[in-house]
Amino acid sequence: MDNSDFNIDRLLFYNTETIEQGDSRTQAYEEGKESIILEMLRINYDVNEIAELSHKTISEIYALKLHYGIYNDEK
């Protein structure tokens, strides 16, 4: 899978354009970003790549895995 053009921040920029007035744009952005990261974790996407694409640390990604109980690491 070629990820050279894939960027979570860019994807979310377009998704947050439609947020209703009065909602916290930053909060909605972060929630959307987290849901994309969680979906990538559920399909067993590489943690290092997720960290790079989402501008988060590997520790933050593993913390999300633990928090949401996603245990699909290769053995």
N, C-alpha and C. Protein backbone atom coordinates (compact mmCIF):
# COMPACT_ATOMS: atom_id res chain seq x y z
N MET A 1 0.85 -1.18 0.00
CA MET A 1 0.00 0.00 0.00
C MET A 1 0.89 1.24 0.00
N ASP A 2 0.72 2.11 -0.97
CA ASP A 2 1.51 3.34 -1.07
C ASP A 2 0.83 4.43 -0.26
N ASN A 3 1.53 4.89 0.78
CA ASN A 3 0.96 5.89 1.68
C ASN A 3 1.55 7.27 1.47
N SER A 4 2.25 7.49 0.37
CA SER A 4 2.95 8.76 0.18
C SER A 4 1.99 9.95 0.16
N ASP A 5 0.76 9.77 -0.29
CA ASP A 5 -0.20 10.87 -0.34
C ASP A 5 -1.20 10.83 0.80
N PHE A 6 -1.08 9.85 1.66
CA PHE A 6 -2.04 9.70 2.75
C PHE A 6 -1.60 10.55 3.94
N ASN A 7 -2.49 11.36 4.44
CA ASN A 7 -2.18 12.20 5.58
C ASN A 7 -3.45 12.38 6.39
N ILE A 8 -3.43 11.94 7.63
CA ILE A 8 -4.61 12.01 8.48
C ILE A 8 -5.06 13.45 8.67
N ASP A 9 -4.11 14.36 8.86
CA ASP A 9 -4.47 15.76 9.07
C ASP A 9 -5.18 16.35 7.85
N ARG A 10 -4.72 16.04 6.67
CA ARG A 10 -5.35 16.54 5.45
C ARG A 10 -6.76 15.98 5.29
N LEU A 11 -6.91 14.70 5.57
CA LEU A 11 -8.22 14.06 5.49
C LEU A 11 -9.21 14.71 6.46
N LEU A 12 -8.76 14.96 7.66
CA LEU A 12 -9.63 15.55 8.66
C LEU A 12 -9.95 17.01 8.37
N PHE A 13 -9.06 17.73 7.70
CA PHE A 13 -9.34 19.11 7.35
C PHE A 13 -10.64 19.20 6.56
N TYR A 14 -10.81 18.30 5.59
CA TYR A 14 -12.01 18.32 4.77
C TYR A 14 -13.23 17.87 5.57
N ASN A 15 -13.05 16.91 6.47
CA ASN A 15 -14.17 16.44 7.28
C ASN A 15 -14.66 17.48 8.27
N THR A 16 -13.78 18.33 8.77
CA THR A 16 -14.18 19.31 9.77
C THR A 16 -14.76 20.57 9.14
N GLU A 17 -14.73 20.67 7.84
CA GLU A 17 -15.33 21.83 7.17
C GLU A 17 -16.84 21.87 7.36
N THR A 18 -17.43 20.72 7.63
CA THR A 18 -18.90 20.65 7.72
C THR A 18 -19.41 20.65 9.16
N ILE A 19 -18.54 20.90 10.12
CA ILE A 19 -18.96 20.92 11.53
C ILE A 19 -19.93 22.07 11.76
N GLU A 20 -21.00 21.78 12.49
CA GLU A 20 -22.01 22.80 12.76
C GLU A 20 -21.44 23.93 13.60
N GLN A 21 -21.94 25.11 13.36
CA GLN A 21 -21.51 26.26 14.13
C GLN A 21 -21.83 26.04 15.60
N GLY A 22 -20.92 26.44 16.47
CA GLY A 22 -21.09 26.25 17.90
C GLY A 22 -20.33 25.05 18.43
N ASP A 23 -20.01 24.09 17.57
CA ASP A 23 -19.20 22.95 18.00
C ASP A 23 -17.74 23.38 18.07
N SER A 24 -17.00 22.74 18.93
CA SER A 24 -15.57 23.03 19.01
C SER A 24 -14.87 22.35 17.85
N ARG A 25 -14.36 23.15 16.94
CA ARG A 25 -13.68 22.61 15.76
C ARG A 25 -12.47 21.77 16.16
N THR A 26 -11.71 22.25 17.14
CA THR A 26 -10.52 21.52 17.57
C THR A 26 -10.91 20.17 18.19
N GLN A 27 -11.93 20.17 19.02
CA GLN A 27 -12.36 18.92 19.65
C GLN A 27 -12.86 17.94 18.60
N ALA A 28 -13.64 18.40 17.66
CA ALA A 28 -14.15 17.53 16.60
C ALA A 28 -13.00 16.99 15.75
N TYR A 29 -12.02 17.83 15.50
CA TYR A 29 -10.85 17.42 14.72
C TYR A 29 -10.11 16.29 15.45
N GLU A 30 -9.86 16.48 16.74
CA GLU A 30 -9.13 15.47 17.51
C GLU A 30 -9.92 14.17 17.63
N GLU A 31 -11.23 14.28 17.81
CA GLU A 31 -12.06 13.08 17.88
C GLU A 31 -12.06 12.33 16.55
N GLY A 32 -12.12 13.07 15.47
CA GLY A 32 -12.06 12.45 14.15
C GLY A 32 -10.73 11.79 13.90
N LYS A 33 -9.68 12.46 14.31
CA LYS A 33 -8.33 11.92 14.15
C LYS A 33 -8.19 10.63 14.95
N GLU A 34 -8.69 10.64 16.18
CA GLU A 34 -8.61 9.44 17.01
C GLU A 34 -9.40 8.29 16.40
N SER A 35 -10.56 8.56 15.84
CA SER A 35 -11.36 7.48 15.26
C SER A 35 -10.68 6.88 14.04
N ILE A 36 -9.98 7.70 13.26
CA ILE A 36 -9.22 7.17 12.12
C ILE A 36 -8.06 6.31 12.62
N ILE A 37 -7.36 6.78 13.64
CA ILE A 37 -6.26 6.01 14.21
C ILE A 37 -6.77 4.67 14.74
N LEU A 38 -7.89 4.68 15.45
CA LEU A 38 -8.45 3.45 15.99
C LEU A 38 -8.81 2.47 14.89
N GLU A 39 -9.38 2.97 13.81
CA GLU A 39 -9.73 2.09 12.69
C GLU A 39 -8.47 1.50 12.07
N MET A 40 -7.42 2.30 11.95
CA MET A 40 -6.16 1.79 11.42
C MET A 40 -5.59 0.71 12.34
N LEU A 41 -5.72 0.90 13.65
CA LEU A 41 -5.24 -0.11 14.59
C LEU A 41 -6.07 -1.39 14.48
N ARG A 42 -7.37 -1.25 14.30
CA ARG A 42 -8.24 -2.44 14.21
C ARG A 42 -7.91 -3.29 12.99
N ILE A 43 -7.47 -2.65 11.91
CA ILE A 43 -7.12 -3.43 10.72
C ILE A 43 -5.64 -3.82 10.73
N ASN A 44 -5.01 -3.62 11.90
CA ASN A 44 -3.63 -4.05 12.13
C ASN A 44 -2.62 -3.28 11.27
N TYR A 45 -2.87 -2.00 11.07
CA TYR A 45 -1.93 -1.13 10.37
C TYR A 45 -0.68 -0.98 11.22
N ASP A 46 0.47 -0.79 10.62
CA ASP A 46 1.73 -0.67 11.34
C ASP A 46 1.73 0.53 12.29
N VAL A 47 2.03 0.28 13.56
CA VAL A 47 2.00 1.33 14.60
C VAL A 47 2.97 2.47 14.27
N ASN A 48 4.14 2.12 13.74
CA ASN A 48 5.12 3.16 13.39
C ASN A 48 4.59 4.08 12.31
N GLU A 49 3.93 3.51 11.32
CA GLU A 49 3.36 4.33 10.25
C GLU A 49 2.21 5.19 10.76
N ILE A 50 1.39 4.63 11.62
CA ILE A 50 0.28 5.41 12.20
C ILE A 50 0.85 6.60 12.96
N ALA A 51 1.88 6.38 13.75
CA ALA A 51 2.50 7.46 14.51
C ALA A 51 3.02 8.55 13.58
N GLU A 52 3.68 8.14 12.51
CA GLU A 52 4.22 9.11 11.56
C GLU A 52 3.11 9.89 10.85
N LEU A 53 2.09 9.20 10.41
CA LEU A 53 1.00 9.84 9.68
C LEU A 53 0.15 10.75 10.56
N SER A 54 0.04 10.41 11.84
CA SER A 54 -0.84 11.17 12.72
C SER A 54 -0.10 12.21 13.56
N HIS A 55 1.22 12.26 13.41
CA HIS A 55 2.04 13.19 14.19
C HIS A 55 1.89 12.96 15.68
N LYS A 56 1.79 11.69 16.06
CA LYS A 56 1.74 11.28 17.47
C LYS A 56 2.95 10.39 17.73
N THR A 57 3.26 10.20 19.01
CA THR A 57 4.36 9.31 19.34
C THR A 57 3.88 7.86 19.32
N ILE A 58 4.83 6.96 19.20
CA ILE A 58 4.49 5.54 19.23
C ILE A 58 3.86 5.19 20.57
N SER A 59 4.35 5.80 21.64
CA SER A 59 3.77 5.57 22.97
C SER A 59 2.30 5.98 23.02
N GLU A 60 1.96 7.10 22.39
CA GLU A 60 0.56 7.55 22.36
C GLU A 60 -0.31 6.55 21.60
N ILE A 61 0.22 5.99 20.53
CA ILE A 61 -0.53 5.01 19.74
C ILE A 61 -0.76 3.74 20.57
N TYR A 62 0.30 3.27 21.24
CA TYR A 62 0.13 2.08 22.09
C TYR A 62 -0.81 2.35 23.25
N ALA A 63 -0.80 3.56 23.78
CA ALA A 63 -1.74 3.91 24.86
C ALA A 63 -3.18 3.81 24.36
N LEU A 64 -3.44 4.25 23.13
CA LEU A 64 -4.78 4.12 22.56
C LEU A 64 -5.16 2.65 22.41
N LYS A 65 -4.19 1.84 21.94
CA LYS A 65 -4.46 0.40 21.79
C LYS A 65 -4.88 -0.20 23.12
N LEU A 66 -4.13 0.12 24.16
CA LEU A 66 -4.45 -0.43 25.49
C LEU A 66 -5.78 0.10 26.01
N HIS A 67 -6.00 1.40 25.85
CA HIS A 67 -7.23 2.01 26.35
C HIS A 67 -8.48 1.39 25.72
N TYR A 68 -8.41 1.13 24.41
CA TYR A 68 -9.57 0.59 23.70
C TYR A 68 -9.53 -0.94 23.56
N GLY A 69 -8.52 -1.59 24.14
CA GLY A 69 -8.47 -3.05 24.13
C GLY A 69 -8.25 -3.64 22.76
N ILE A 70 -7.40 -3.04 21.98
CA ILE A 70 -7.10 -3.55 20.64
C ILE A 70 -5.83 -4.38 20.73
N TYR A 71 -6.00 -5.71 20.70
CA TYR A 71 -4.88 -6.63 20.85
C TYR A 71 -4.77 -7.51 19.62
N ASN A 72 -4.22 -6.96 18.57
CA ASN A 72 -4.10 -7.74 17.33
C ASN A 72 -2.66 -7.79 16.84
N ASP A 73 -1.68 -7.68 17.76
CA ASP A 73 -0.28 -7.73 17.37
C ASP A 73 0.07 -9.09 16.80
N GLU A 74 1.00 -9.04 15.84
CA GLU A 74 1.46 -10.29 15.25
C GLU A 74 2.26 -11.06 16.29
N LYS A 75 2.19 -12.38 16.20
CA LYS A 75 2.90 -13.23 17.18
C LYS A 75 4.15 -13.78 16.57
